[in-house]
Amino acid sequence: KTEGGLGSRTSPIAPPLFQSRGRRGTSATMYASRWLTLVLSQFVMVSSGTLYLFPVYSPMLKSRLDLTQEEVNFVGSAAHFGAFFSVFGGFFYDAFGPRATLTLGGALKLGGLLTMALTIQGVAPQSHRFAAFCAWVFGTGCSTSLTASLGANYATFKDHNLHGRLVGLILAFFGLSSGILSLVYDVFFTSPVSFVYFLALFAGGMDLFAATLVGSPKNLALPDDEPEGRGLPLGGVGPAPTGTVARLFGAADHDAKLTRGLTLCGAVAIHVAVSALLIQSAGGVAAVTIACLLVTVALMTAQSWSLLGGGGRVAFRRNEMAQVDPRLHAANKAALEGVGPAKLPFLLDFWLFFIAMMLGIGAGVTVVNNLSQMVSAYPTLEPDAAATSRSLMKLLACTNTLGRLASGSLSDKLAHKVGRVHFTVYLLALMAVGQFILAAHLGGESAPLFGLVVGVFVVGWAFGALFWATPLLVMELFGPKNFGANRGLVGLSPAIGGYVMSTLVAGRVYAASAGSDNDCDAGAACYGRAWVFNAFAVVGATGMMWWLARRRARGRGMGPIT
C-alpha cells in the first residue's frame, strides 16, 4: 500500500517487527540495491582477478630470489591453491554473510600482496616458500571475496533463469582484470615492485569499500517496492533518459539489463585484445597506450551505468529496508535442499566432478603461470619478451572473459535442451583442443608467435568457461544449502590440478631443457611434453564429465558410491 494517492512512490516506514539484540547498525547504515550490488561485485572481481597478473612480476621474483622454474611455478600454484580451495571462506560466509566476508577478503589481499612486494624488494625473507605463503594468503583473499560476491547476488537475484548470465557477468570481470590492469601498468609503471604495491592497495581497498554497502543482515531485505523499470534516472532524481540513451541506460527488466551489461562487458574484452595489438604494433608508444586505457575506462563506466540506470534508488538506509522474521529465515534455510561438505566425499558424482575440474582447470592454470617463460623460451621472441607476454596476457584476459560471457548466455538459452553438466562436457573438450594446439607447435621455431596466439586464445576461452561452470554446477549438483562451504571444497580440485600440472609436470619438463641459469631457450622443447600430458589428461576429464551427465540424465545423480 502507498500513501499520498494514486501514483505515489513513497511507502510508510513500519516499526520493526523484531527488535535486534545489540548494536547491529544505525538508521544511517546504507545497503546497496540489487544493481549496485552487482556493479560493486564486478569491481571486486577486477580486484580479485589480479591473481592472473603473476606473469608481470614472476620474472623479477625469479631473478631476485634466484629460483628455478619449478620454484616459480610453486609460488604461482600457491596463489591458485588459495584462490580455488576456499573452504574457510565458504564457512565464514555461511556464518557471517557478505559484508564480513568481503572485509576478510580485502584484508587478506592487502596483506598478501604487500608482503609479496616486500619479498621481491628484499625486505621480507628471501625464500620461495615465504613468497608462496604470501601468494597463498592473497589467493585466499580472492576466493573469499568471490564467495561473498556470488552469495550476495544469488540472494538479490532469485530467478534461477538469470543465474547463468549473472554468474557469467560477475566472473567475466575476474578474467578481464589482468587485461585492464596490464594497461594500467603500461601507462603508469616501469617497475614490477611498484606495481605490486599498487595492486595491494587497489585490491584490498576495493573490497573494503564494497563491504560497506554490499549485503544486508539476516533480518532485513531490500524493499519489495524498489522502483524497478519505471524509467527513473540514476538515484531517482532528474528527467528520465530518452531515445538511444534510454535503450542503453534507461529502464528495463532484469533480462534486458543483464543482456546489455553482458554486451558492453564483451565490448570491453574485445577492446582489451585490440589494445594489445595496437600497442604491440606501435612499439609501445605512450600516446597509443594512454588512449587505449582511456577508452577502457569509458567502456567500463558505460557498462556500469547500463546496469544502474533506470532503476531509481541505488542504496537504502536501514530504516527503509523490509523486515524479515528471523524464525522464517531460519525455516527457509532449513528447508533448502542439498548435501553438506561432510557427505560430499561419499558421492560418486562429487568425485567425477572433482577430478574432471582438477584436470581441466589445472591445464589452464599451467598456461597462466608459465606465460612469460613460454615467450622467452624462443630466441626469436626473447628480445621483446616482456612486452609480448603482456600482449598475450591481454589476449588471455579477453578470451577468458568472452568464454565466461558466452557460456552464461548460451547455457541459459539451451537450458531446456542441454543441461549445464552436459554443456560442461563441451567446455572440457575445448580445453583439450587448446592443449593439443600448443603441443602441435604451430608456426615452428621461425614463427612461434602464431602458435602461441592461437593456443592462448583457445585455452583462455575454455579456462574462463570452466571457471564460470564451477559455482553453477556446485549449486546444481549439491544444492544451495551449503553453497559457500561446498564451493570451497570443490575448489580444492583445480588447486591440486594447478600444482600437479603446472608446478610438477611443466616445471620439471622446463627444467630438463634449462641451462645452468635455470632459463630454457630451447623453444618448443621447453614445454612440449607438458602440453601433450595436459591434452590427454583433459581428454580423460571430458570422459568423466560425460559419465556424470549420463548419470544425471538417468536420474542416478547424488547417489552414494557403489
Protein backbone atom coordinates (compact mmCIF):
# COMPACT_ATOMS: atom_id res chain seq x y z
CA LYS A 1 0.00 0.00 0.00
CA THR A 2 1.11 3.57 -0.67
CA GLU A 3 0.21 6.85 0.85
CA GLY A 4 -0.26 10.16 -0.90
CA GLY A 5 -2.77 8.98 -3.51
CA LEU A 6 -2.54 7.15 -6.84
CA GLY A 7 0.92 7.03 -8.39
CA SER A 8 2.76 7.98 -5.20
CA ARG A 9 6.13 6.22 -4.87
CA THR A 10 6.57 6.68 -1.12
CA SER A 11 5.92 3.94 1.39
CA PRO A 12 5.23 4.26 5.11
CA ILE A 13 8.05 3.13 7.35
CA ALA A 14 6.71 0.34 9.51
CA PRO A 15 8.12 -0.12 13.00
CA PRO A 16 10.48 -3.06 13.35
CA LEU A 17 8.64 -6.31 13.83
CA PHE A 18 11.57 -7.91 15.59
CA GLN A 19 13.99 -5.97 17.73
CA SER A 20 17.64 -6.83 17.15
CA ARG A 21 19.88 -7.61 20.07
CA GLY A 22 22.92 -5.38 20.34
CA ARG A 23 24.02 -2.64 18.03
CA ARG A 24 23.92 -4.08 14.51
CA GLY A 25 23.76 -0.79 12.67
CA THR A 26 22.10 2.60 12.72
CA SER A 27 19.50 4.21 10.53
CA ALA A 28 22.34 5.85 8.62
CA THR A 29 23.79 2.48 7.55
CA MET A 30 23.41 2.07 3.79
CA TYR A 31 22.60 -1.10 1.84
CA ALA A 32 23.14 -1.41 -1.91
CA SER A 33 20.27 -2.16 -4.27
CA ARG A 34 20.50 -5.33 -6.34
CA TRP A 35 22.04 -3.46 -9.28
CA LEU A 36 24.57 -1.57 -7.20
CA THR A 37 25.43 -4.89 -5.54
CA LEU A 38 26.12 -6.34 -9.00
CA VAL A 39 28.25 -3.37 -10.10
CA LEU A 40 30.29 -3.38 -6.89
CA SER A 41 30.73 -7.15 -7.25
CA GLN A 42 32.12 -6.59 -10.74
CA PHE A 43 34.80 -4.26 -9.36
CA VAL A 44 35.53 -6.72 -6.54
CA MET A 45 36.18 -9.27 -9.29
CA VAL A 46 38.55 -6.86 -11.02
CA SER A 47 40.47 -6.68 -7.74
CA SER A 48 40.36 -10.49 -7.38
CA GLY A 49 41.49 -11.12 -10.95
CA THR A 50 44.87 -9.58 -10.08
CA LEU A 51 45.67 -13.23 -9.39
CA TYR A 52 46.34 -13.56 -13.14
CA LEU A 53 48.98 -10.80 -13.13
CA PHE A 54 51.63 -13.15 -11.77
CA PRO A 55 53.47 -13.19 -15.17
CA VAL A 56 54.13 -9.44 -14.77
CA TYR A 57 56.30 -9.81 -11.68
CA SER A 58 57.31 -13.50 -11.78
CA PRO A 59 60.46 -12.84 -13.89
CA MET A 60 61.74 -10.34 -11.30
CA LEU A 61 60.80 -12.70 -8.48
CA LYS A 62 62.74 -15.45 -10.23
CA SER A 63 65.87 -13.33 -10.73
CA ARG A 64 65.86 -11.63 -7.30
CA LEU A 65 65.45 -14.90 -5.38
CA ASP A 66 67.47 -16.99 -7.89
CA LEU A 67 64.67 -19.52 -8.32
CA THR A 68 64.25 -22.45 -10.67
CA GLN A 69 61.17 -22.52 -12.90
CA GLU A 70 59.68 -25.26 -10.73
CA GLU A 71 60.02 -22.99 -7.68
CA VAL A 72 58.46 -20.06 -9.57
CA ASN A 73 55.55 -22.29 -10.58
CA PHE A 74 55.24 -23.40 -6.95
CA VAL A 75 54.67 -19.76 -5.94
CA GLY A 76 52.11 -19.28 -8.72
CA SER A 77 50.33 -22.52 -7.82
CA ALA A 78 50.17 -21.44 -4.16
CA ALA A 79 48.17 -18.37 -5.23
CA HIS A 80 45.81 -20.53 -7.27
CA PHE A 81 45.57 -23.02 -4.39
CA GLY A 82 44.33 -20.23 -2.14
CA ALA A 83 42.01 -18.93 -4.86
CA PHE A 84 40.36 -22.26 -5.55
CA PHE A 85 40.41 -24.05 -2.18
CA SER A 86 38.24 -21.73 -0.13
CA VAL A 87 36.51 -23.93 2.44
CA PHE A 88 37.36 -21.49 5.23
CA GLY A 89 35.95 -18.56 3.23
CA GLY A 90 32.84 -20.61 2.47
CA PHE A 91 32.19 -21.47 6.12
CA PHE A 92 32.92 -17.84 7.06
CA TYR A 93 30.38 -16.59 4.50
CA ASP A 94 27.73 -19.09 5.63
CA ALA A 95 28.21 -17.89 9.22
CA PHE A 96 28.71 -14.12 8.87
CA GLY A 97 27.35 -13.03 5.48
CA PRO A 98 28.82 -10.97 2.61
CA ARG A 99 29.94 -7.82 4.45
CA ALA A 100 32.21 -9.53 6.94
CA THR A 101 33.44 -11.91 4.21
CA LEU A 102 34.37 -9.05 1.86
CA THR A 103 36.20 -7.35 4.72
CA LEU A 104 38.17 -10.52 5.38
CA GLY A 105 38.91 -10.97 1.67
CA GLY A 106 40.16 -7.40 1.30
CA ALA A 107 42.42 -7.70 4.34
CA LEU A 108 43.96 -10.94 3.02
CA LYS A 109 44.60 -9.41 -0.41
CA LEU A 110 46.19 -6.34 1.10
CA GLY A 111 48.43 -8.33 3.43
CA GLY A 112 49.42 -10.97 0.89
CA LEU A 113 50.37 -8.56 -1.89
CA LEU A 114 52.19 -6.15 0.41
CA THR A 115 54.39 -8.93 1.78
CA MET A 116 54.96 -10.24 -1.77
CA ALA A 117 56.23 -6.79 -2.81
CA LEU A 118 58.49 -6.68 0.25
CA THR A 119 59.83 -10.12 -0.65
CA ILE A 120 60.71 -9.07 -4.21
CA GLN A 121 62.24 -5.86 -2.88
CA GLY A 122 64.47 -7.79 -0.48
CA VAL A 123 62.94 -6.57 2.78
CA ALA A 124 60.97 -9.73 3.66
CA PRO A 125 62.54 -13.23 3.84
CA GLN A 126 64.16 -14.23 0.53
CA SER A 127 62.61 -17.67 0.21
CA HIS A 128 60.35 -19.18 -2.41
CA ARG A 129 58.41 -20.82 0.43
CA PHE A 130 57.72 -17.47 2.07
CA ALA A 131 56.78 -16.00 -1.33
CA ALA A 132 54.42 -18.96 -1.80
CA PHE A 133 52.86 -18.24 1.61
CA CYS A 134 52.27 -14.60 0.57
CA ALA A 135 50.73 -15.81 -2.69
CA TRP A 136 48.50 -18.26 -0.82
CA VAL A 137 47.26 -15.51 1.53
CA PHE A 138 46.47 -13.25 -1.41
CA GLY A 139 44.79 -16.08 -3.35
CA THR A 140 42.68 -16.98 -0.32
CA GLY A 141 41.52 -13.35 -0.21
CA CYS A 142 40.49 -13.59 -3.87
CA SER A 143 38.42 -16.74 -3.27
CA THR A 144 36.87 -15.32 -0.09
CA SER A 145 35.71 -12.18 -1.89
CA LEU A 146 34.45 -14.26 -4.82
CA THR A 147 32.29 -16.36 -2.50
CA ALA A 148 30.86 -13.18 -0.92
CA SER A 149 30.10 -11.63 -4.32
CA LEU A 150 28.36 -14.72 -5.68
CA GLY A 151 26.37 -15.24 -2.48
CA ALA A 152 25.25 -11.61 -2.28
CA ASN A 153 24.00 -11.66 -5.87
CA TYR A 154 22.28 -15.03 -5.52
CA ALA A 155 20.41 -13.50 -2.56
CA THR A 156 19.18 -10.46 -4.52
CA PHE A 157 18.52 -12.13 -7.92
CA LYS A 158 16.28 -15.05 -7.00
CA ASP A 159 15.21 -16.01 -10.55
CA HIS A 160 17.25 -19.12 -11.38
CA ASN A 161 16.73 -18.49 -15.10
CA LEU A 162 19.05 -15.48 -14.77
CA HIS A 163 21.83 -17.20 -12.83
CA GLY A 164 23.79 -18.41 -15.85
CA ARG A 165 24.19 -14.89 -17.22
CA LEU A 166 24.53 -13.38 -13.76
CA VAL A 167 27.46 -15.62 -12.83
CA GLY A 168 28.93 -15.16 -16.31
CA LEU A 169 28.88 -11.39 -15.91
CA ILE A 170 30.41 -11.41 -12.43
CA LEU A 171 33.16 -13.89 -13.29
CA ALA A 172 33.87 -12.16 -16.59
CA PHE A 173 35.48 -9.30 -14.68
CA PHE A 174 37.62 -11.79 -12.77
CA GLY A 175 39.09 -12.84 -16.11
CA LEU A 176 39.15 -9.33 -17.58
CA SER A 177 41.09 -7.91 -14.64
CA SER A 178 44.57 -8.80 -15.89
CA GLY A 179 43.92 -7.14 -19.26
CA ILE A 180 42.62 -3.92 -17.70
CA LEU A 181 45.35 -3.67 -15.08
CA SER A 182 48.13 -4.55 -17.51
CA LEU A 183 47.09 -1.40 -19.39
CA VAL A 184 47.46 0.49 -16.12
CA TYR A 185 50.95 -0.99 -15.82
CA ASP A 186 51.82 0.04 -19.40
CA VAL A 187 50.80 3.65 -18.71
CA PHE A 188 51.95 4.32 -15.16
CA PHE A 189 54.61 1.77 -14.18
CA THR A 190 58.03 0.55 -15.21
CA SER A 191 58.91 -1.34 -12.02
CA PRO A 192 57.05 -4.59 -11.22
CA VAL A 193 57.65 -3.99 -7.50
CA SER A 194 55.87 -0.64 -7.55
CA PHE A 195 53.05 -2.26 -9.48
CA VAL A 196 52.61 -4.97 -6.82
CA TYR A 197 52.37 -2.26 -4.14
CA PHE A 198 49.65 -0.60 -6.24
CA LEU A 199 47.81 -3.93 -6.62
CA ALA A 200 47.85 -4.39 -2.85
CA LEU A 201 46.22 -1.02 -2.22
CA PHE A 202 43.75 -1.37 -5.08
CA ALA A 203 42.68 -4.97 -4.39
CA GLY A 204 42.38 -4.53 -0.63
CA GLY A 205 40.80 -1.08 -0.81
CA MET A 206 38.17 -2.08 -3.38
CA ASP A 207 36.91 -4.96 -1.27
CA LEU A 208 36.90 -2.96 1.95
CA PHE A 209 34.86 -0.22 0.26
CA ALA A 210 32.36 -2.71 -1.19
CA ALA A 211 31.96 -4.25 2.26
CA THR A 212 30.35 -1.01 3.46
CA LEU A 213 27.42 -1.41 1.04
CA VAL A 214 27.02 -4.98 -0.20
CA GLY A 215 24.73 -7.37 1.65
CA SER A 216 22.30 -6.93 4.50
CA PRO A 217 21.62 -8.54 7.91
CA LYS A 218 19.55 -11.70 8.00
CA ASN A 219 16.56 -9.84 9.46
CA LEU A 220 16.48 -7.25 6.65
CA ALA A 221 15.76 -7.40 2.91
CA LEU A 222 15.59 -4.95 0.01
CA PRO A 223 12.18 -3.21 -0.18
CA ASP A 224 9.60 -5.00 -2.29
CA ASP A 225 8.63 -1.72 -3.97
CA GLU A 226 12.12 -0.97 -5.33
CA PRO A 227 11.35 1.29 -8.37
CA GLU A 228 12.44 -1.30 -10.90
CA GLY A 229 11.91 -0.41 -14.54
CA ARG A 230 9.94 2.80 -14.00
CA GLY A 231 12.07 5.00 -16.25
CA LEU A 232 13.78 6.77 -13.38
CA PRO A 233 17.28 8.20 -13.76
CA LEU A 234 20.14 7.07 -11.59
CA GLY A 235 19.28 7.95 -7.98
CA GLY A 236 15.67 8.74 -8.88
CA VAL A 237 16.35 12.46 -9.39
CA GLY A 238 16.03 14.49 -12.60
CA PRO A 239 14.46 13.74 -16.01
CA ALA A 240 14.28 10.18 -17.31
CA PRO A 241 16.54 9.35 -20.32
CA THR A 242 15.03 9.11 -23.81
CA GLY A 243 15.98 7.78 -27.26
CA THR A 244 19.19 5.83 -27.74
CA VAL A 245 20.37 6.77 -24.27
CA ALA A 246 17.19 5.22 -22.83
CA ARG A 247 17.79 1.96 -24.71
CA LEU A 248 21.32 1.70 -23.32
CA PHE A 249 20.94 3.27 -19.89
CA GLY A 250 17.21 3.64 -19.20
CA ALA A 251 14.58 1.48 -17.53
CA ALA A 252 14.49 -2.22 -18.43
CA ASP A 253 13.58 -5.55 -16.90
CA HIS A 254 16.19 -7.84 -15.41
CA ASP A 255 16.64 -9.84 -18.60
CA ALA A 256 17.25 -6.77 -20.78
CA LYS A 257 19.61 -5.15 -18.26
CA LEU A 258 21.74 -8.25 -17.98
CA THR A 259 21.83 -8.54 -21.77
CA ARG A 260 23.14 -5.01 -22.27
CA GLY A 261 25.55 -5.44 -19.36
CA LEU A 262 26.92 -8.60 -20.98
CA THR A 263 27.17 -6.87 -24.37
CA LEU A 264 29.14 -3.92 -23.04
CA CYS A 265 31.35 -6.22 -20.98
CA GLY A 266 32.12 -8.10 -24.19
CA ALA A 267 32.99 -4.78 -25.82
CA VAL A 268 35.48 -4.10 -23.01
CA ALA A 269 37.06 -7.52 -23.53
CA ILE A 270 37.40 -7.06 -27.29
CA HIS A 271 38.87 -3.60 -26.79
CA VAL A 272 41.48 -5.01 -24.38
CA ALA A 273 42.57 -7.55 -27.02
CA VAL A 274 42.67 -4.89 -29.74
CA SER A 275 44.69 -2.66 -27.40
CA ALA A 276 47.32 -5.38 -27.12
CA LEU A 277 47.62 -5.48 -30.92
CA LEU A 278 47.76 -1.69 -31.25
CA ILE A 279 50.35 -1.26 -28.50
CA GLN A 280 52.49 -4.07 -29.92
CA SER A 281 52.36 -2.73 -33.49
CA ALA A 282 53.06 0.86 -32.31
CA GLY A 283 56.12 -0.25 -30.38
CA GLY A 284 54.70 0.84 -27.02
CA VAL A 285 54.22 4.50 -27.96
CA ALA A 286 52.87 6.29 -24.87
CA ALA A 287 50.09 8.15 -26.70
CA VAL A 288 48.60 4.90 -28.06
CA THR A 289 48.79 3.20 -24.66
CA ILE A 290 47.12 6.13 -22.87
CA ALA A 291 44.37 6.30 -25.49
CA CYS A 292 43.67 2.57 -25.06
CA LEU A 293 43.42 2.98 -21.29
CA LEU A 294 41.05 5.96 -21.58
CA VAL A 295 38.74 4.04 -23.91
CA THR A 296 38.78 1.13 -21.45
CA VAL A 297 37.74 3.44 -18.60
CA ALA A 298 34.95 4.92 -20.75
CA LEU A 299 33.61 1.47 -21.68
CA MET A 300 33.75 0.30 -18.07
CA THR A 301 31.81 3.40 -16.98
CA ALA A 302 29.18 2.83 -19.68
CA GLN A 303 28.82 -0.83 -18.70
CA SER A 304 28.24 0.07 -15.05
CA TRP A 305 25.78 2.79 -15.98
CA SER A 306 23.83 0.37 -18.19
CA LEU A 307 23.10 -1.69 -15.07
CA LEU A 308 22.47 1.17 -12.66
CA GLY A 309 20.47 3.44 -14.99
CA GLY A 310 16.69 3.38 -14.96
CA GLY A 311 16.41 1.59 -11.63
CA GLY A 312 15.82 4.56 -9.33
CA ARG A 313 17.35 4.23 -5.87
CA VAL A 314 20.77 2.58 -5.75
CA ALA A 315 21.02 2.34 -1.95
CA PHE A 316 18.69 2.23 1.06
CA ARG A 317 19.04 3.23 4.67
CA ARG A 318 18.50 0.67 7.39
CA ASN A 319 15.09 2.06 8.37
CA GLU A 320 13.94 1.80 4.72
CA MET A 321 14.68 -1.93 4.47
CA ALA A 322 11.97 -4.57 4.72
CA GLN A 323 11.85 -6.54 7.98
CA VAL A 324 12.21 -10.32 7.84
CA ASP A 325 11.09 -12.68 10.61
CA PRO A 326 14.31 -14.39 11.76
CA ARG A 327 12.34 -17.53 12.55
CA LEU A 328 11.06 -17.58 8.96
CA HIS A 329 14.59 -17.03 7.68
CA ALA A 330 15.84 -19.98 9.72
CA ALA A 331 12.95 -22.14 8.50
CA ASN A 332 13.64 -21.25 4.86
CA LYS A 333 17.32 -22.08 5.27
CA ALA A 334 16.48 -25.40 6.87
CA ALA A 335 14.11 -26.21 4.00
CA LEU A 336 16.78 -25.72 1.33
CA GLU A 337 17.86 -28.92 -0.36
CA GLY A 338 21.43 -30.05 -0.64
CA VAL A 339 24.32 -32.04 0.78
CA GLY A 340 26.83 -30.75 3.28
CA PRO A 341 30.61 -30.86 2.74
CA ALA A 342 30.98 -33.76 5.18
CA LYS A 343 28.91 -36.01 2.91
CA LEU A 344 30.38 -34.99 -0.45
CA PRO A 345 33.36 -37.41 -0.35
CA PHE A 346 30.90 -40.33 -0.22
CA LEU A 347 29.18 -39.37 -3.51
CA LEU A 348 30.34 -40.70 -6.87
CA ASP A 349 29.04 -37.52 -8.53
CA PHE A 350 31.40 -35.46 -6.39
CA TRP A 351 34.49 -37.41 -7.46
CA LEU A 352 33.58 -37.35 -11.15
CA PHE A 353 33.08 -33.58 -10.95
CA PHE A 354 36.14 -33.05 -8.72
CA ILE A 355 38.63 -34.94 -10.89
CA ALA A 356 37.27 -33.54 -14.17
CA MET A 357 37.65 -29.96 -12.94
CA MET A 358 41.04 -30.75 -11.40
CA LEU A 359 42.42 -31.74 -14.80
CA GLY A 360 40.51 -29.22 -16.94
CA ILE A 361 41.18 -26.06 -14.94
CA GLY A 362 44.65 -27.29 -13.92
CA ALA A 363 45.62 -27.34 -17.60
CA GLY A 364 44.55 -23.70 -17.90
CA VAL A 365 46.49 -22.72 -14.76
CA THR A 366 49.63 -24.14 -16.44
CA VAL A 367 49.34 -21.60 -19.24
CA VAL A 368 48.59 -18.70 -16.86
CA ASN A 369 51.58 -19.44 -14.62
CA ASN A 370 54.07 -20.03 -17.44
CA LEU A 371 53.05 -17.35 -19.93
CA SER A 372 56.20 -15.23 -19.58
CA GLN A 373 58.53 -18.22 -19.83
CA MET A 374 56.60 -19.63 -22.81
CA VAL A 375 57.54 -16.46 -24.72
CA SER A 376 61.15 -16.12 -23.56
CA ALA A 377 61.80 -19.79 -24.43
CA TYR A 378 62.03 -18.77 -28.11
CA PRO A 379 65.23 -16.92 -29.07
CA THR A 380 63.34 -15.02 -31.80
CA LEU A 381 60.90 -13.57 -29.21
CA GLU A 382 63.32 -13.11 -26.30
CA PRO A 383 64.48 -9.53 -27.14
CA ASP A 384 60.94 -8.19 -26.63
CA ALA A 385 59.68 -10.96 -24.34
CA ALA A 386 58.22 -8.71 -21.60
CA ALA A 387 56.03 -6.68 -23.99
CA THR A 388 54.99 -9.80 -25.94
CA SER A 389 53.98 -11.67 -22.76
CA ARG A 390 51.87 -8.69 -21.64
CA SER A 391 50.17 -8.67 -25.05
CA LEU A 392 49.40 -12.37 -24.70
CA MET A 393 48.12 -11.64 -21.19
CA LYS A 394 45.66 -9.13 -22.62
CA LEU A 395 44.57 -11.70 -25.21
CA LEU A 396 44.14 -14.28 -22.45
CA ALA A 397 42.08 -11.79 -20.43
CA CYS A 398 39.87 -11.08 -23.45
CA THR A 399 39.16 -14.71 -24.34
CA ASN A 400 38.86 -15.66 -20.66
CA THR A 401 36.14 -13.01 -20.33
CA LEU A 402 34.35 -13.87 -23.56
CA GLY A 403 34.33 -17.54 -22.56
CA ARG A 404 32.50 -16.72 -19.34
CA LEU A 405 30.04 -14.34 -21.01
CA ALA A 406 29.27 -16.65 -23.92
CA SER A 407 28.87 -19.69 -21.69
CA GLY A 408 26.46 -17.88 -19.38
CA SER A 409 24.27 -16.64 -22.23
CA LEU A 410 24.36 -19.85 -24.28
CA SER A 411 23.72 -22.07 -21.27
CA ASP A 412 20.62 -20.09 -20.30
CA LYS A 413 19.29 -20.27 -23.87
CA LEU A 414 19.92 -24.02 -24.20
CA ALA A 415 18.83 -24.90 -20.65
CA HIS A 416 15.67 -26.67 -21.87
CA LYS A 417 17.70 -28.83 -24.30
CA VAL A 418 21.18 -29.19 -22.82
CA GLY A 419 21.75 -29.41 -19.08
CA ARG A 420 24.65 -27.49 -17.55
CA VAL A 421 26.57 -30.68 -16.75
CA HIS A 422 26.27 -31.82 -20.36
CA PHE A 423 27.23 -28.31 -21.50
CA THR A 424 30.44 -28.55 -19.44
CA VAL A 425 31.46 -31.66 -21.42
CA TYR A 426 31.93 -29.43 -24.48
CA LEU A 427 33.90 -26.90 -22.45
CA LEU A 428 36.37 -29.57 -21.34
CA ALA A 429 36.69 -30.81 -24.92
CA LEU A 430 37.58 -27.26 -25.96
CA MET A 431 40.34 -27.14 -23.32
CA ALA A 432 41.75 -30.39 -24.71
CA VAL A 433 41.81 -28.85 -28.19
CA GLY A 434 43.71 -25.83 -26.84
CA GLN A 435 46.34 -28.05 -25.22
CA PHE A 436 46.75 -30.03 -28.46
CA ILE A 437 47.25 -26.75 -30.36
CA LEU A 438 50.08 -25.75 -28.01
CA ALA A 439 51.60 -29.22 -28.35
CA ALA A 440 51.40 -29.04 -32.16
CA HIS A 441 53.77 -26.04 -32.13
CA LEU A 442 52.05 -24.18 -34.99
CA GLY A 443 54.36 -21.82 -36.87
CA GLY A 444 57.53 -23.69 -35.93
CA GLU A 445 60.67 -22.19 -34.44
CA SER A 446 60.80 -19.44 -37.06
CA ALA A 447 57.33 -18.02 -36.34
CA PRO A 448 56.30 -19.30 -32.88
CA LEU A 449 54.05 -16.34 -32.05
CA PHE A 450 51.27 -17.65 -34.31
CA GLY A 451 51.02 -20.94 -32.40
CA LEU A 452 51.17 -19.15 -29.06
CA VAL A 453 48.39 -16.74 -30.05
CA VAL A 454 46.07 -19.49 -31.29
CA GLY A 455 46.77 -21.73 -28.29
CA VAL A 456 46.34 -18.94 -25.73
CA PHE A 457 43.10 -17.86 -27.45
CA VAL A 458 41.51 -21.32 -27.21
CA VAL A 459 42.87 -22.17 -23.75
CA GLY A 460 41.81 -18.76 -22.39
CA TRP A 461 38.26 -19.18 -23.70
CA ALA A 462 37.93 -22.70 -22.26
CA PHE A 463 39.55 -21.69 -18.95
CA GLY A 464 37.10 -18.83 -18.46
CA ALA A 465 34.14 -21.04 -19.37
CA LEU A 466 35.18 -23.77 -16.90
CA PHE A 467 35.68 -21.17 -14.19
CA TRP A 468 32.11 -19.97 -14.91
CA ALA A 469 30.74 -23.52 -14.75
CA THR A 470 32.19 -24.44 -11.36
CA PRO A 471 29.92 -22.47 -8.95
CA LEU A 472 26.82 -23.18 -11.02
CA LEU A 473 27.47 -26.92 -11.03
CA VAL A 474 28.16 -26.88 -7.29
CA MET A 475 24.71 -25.31 -6.81
CA GLU A 476 23.03 -27.66 -9.30
CA LEU A 477 24.68 -30.90 -8.22
CA PHE A 478 24.79 -30.45 -4.44
CA GLY A 479 22.10 -27.86 -3.68
CA PRO A 480 22.12 -24.29 -2.32
CA LYS A 481 22.01 -25.03 1.40
CA ASN A 482 25.80 -25.25 1.95
CA PHE A 483 26.89 -23.43 -1.21
CA GLY A 484 29.77 -21.49 0.39
CA ALA A 485 31.45 -24.48 2.04
CA ASN A 486 30.75 -26.85 -0.87
CA ARG A 487 32.20 -24.43 -3.41
CA GLY A 488 35.29 -24.08 -1.25
CA LEU A 489 35.77 -27.85 -1.03
CA VAL A 490 35.29 -28.35 -4.77
CA GLY A 491 37.81 -25.55 -5.25
CA LEU A 492 40.49 -27.91 -3.98
CA SER A 493 40.28 -29.74 -7.33
CA PRO A 494 41.82 -27.03 -9.58
CA ALA A 495 44.22 -26.15 -6.75
CA ILE A 496 45.59 -29.71 -6.87
CA GLY A 497 45.43 -29.72 -10.67
CA GLY A 498 47.40 -26.47 -10.86
CA TYR A 499 50.10 -27.82 -8.56
CA VAL A 500 50.46 -31.18 -10.34
CA MET A 501 50.20 -29.93 -13.94
CA SER A 502 51.90 -26.53 -13.61
CA THR A 503 54.46 -26.96 -10.82
CA LEU A 504 55.41 -30.63 -11.05
CA VAL A 505 54.88 -31.59 -14.69
CA ALA A 506 55.51 -28.32 -16.55
CA GLY A 507 58.19 -27.19 -14.09
CA ARG A 508 60.20 -30.39 -14.47
CA VAL A 509 59.77 -30.54 -18.24
CA TYR A 510 61.10 -26.96 -18.41
CA ALA A 511 63.99 -27.75 -16.02
CA ALA A 512 65.05 -30.73 -18.13
CA SER A 513 65.88 -28.37 -21.02
CA ALA A 514 67.10 -25.40 -18.94
CA GLY A 515 70.72 -24.32 -18.61
CA SER A 516 72.78 -23.59 -15.51
CA ASP A 517 70.99 -20.23 -15.13
CA ASN A 518 67.61 -22.05 -14.78
CA ASP A 519 66.38 -20.49 -18.06
CA CYS A 520 65.32 -22.55 -21.07
CA ASP A 521 65.81 -21.20 -24.60
CA ALA A 522 65.13 -24.43 -26.49
CA GLY A 523 61.82 -23.23 -27.95
CA ALA A 524 59.04 -25.82 -28.17
CA ALA A 525 61.11 -28.37 -26.22
CA CYS A 526 60.77 -26.29 -23.04
CA TYR A 527 57.09 -27.22 -22.62
CA GLY A 528 56.24 -29.67 -25.43
CA ARG A 529 55.83 -32.82 -23.31
CA ALA A 530 53.81 -30.86 -20.71
CA TRP A 531 51.25 -29.84 -23.34
CA VAL A 532 50.93 -33.44 -24.56
CA PHE A 533 50.40 -34.68 -20.98
CA ASN A 534 47.82 -31.99 -20.32
CA ALA A 535 45.95 -32.69 -23.55
CA PHE A 536 45.44 -36.38 -22.82
CA ALA A 537 44.61 -35.66 -19.18
CA VAL A 538 41.82 -33.28 -20.23
CA VAL A 539 40.51 -35.87 -22.69
CA GLY A 540 40.11 -38.14 -19.66
CA ALA A 541 38.39 -35.30 -17.78
CA THR A 542 35.95 -34.89 -20.68
CA GLY A 543 35.02 -38.57 -20.40
CA MET A 544 34.40 -38.23 -16.66
CA MET A 545 32.11 -35.26 -17.13
CA TRP A 546 30.24 -37.13 -19.87
CA TRP A 547 29.75 -40.02 -17.43
CA LEU A 548 28.39 -37.58 -14.84
CA ALA A 549 26.00 -36.11 -17.41
CA ARG A 550 24.75 -39.58 -18.27
CA ARG A 551 24.16 -40.37 -14.61
CA ARG A 552 22.17 -37.15 -14.24
CA ALA A 553 20.11 -37.92 -17.35
CA ARG A 554 19.24 -41.35 -15.97
CA GLY A 555 18.25 -39.93 -12.59
CA ARG A 556 21.15 -41.54 -10.74
CA GLY A 557 22.78 -38.30 -9.61
CA MET A 558 23.77 -37.67 -5.97
CA GLY A 559 23.73 -41.36 -5.14
CA PRO A 560 26.32 -42.97 -2.87
CA ILE A 561 29.48 -44.57 -4.24
CA THR A 562 28.71 -48.15 -5.30
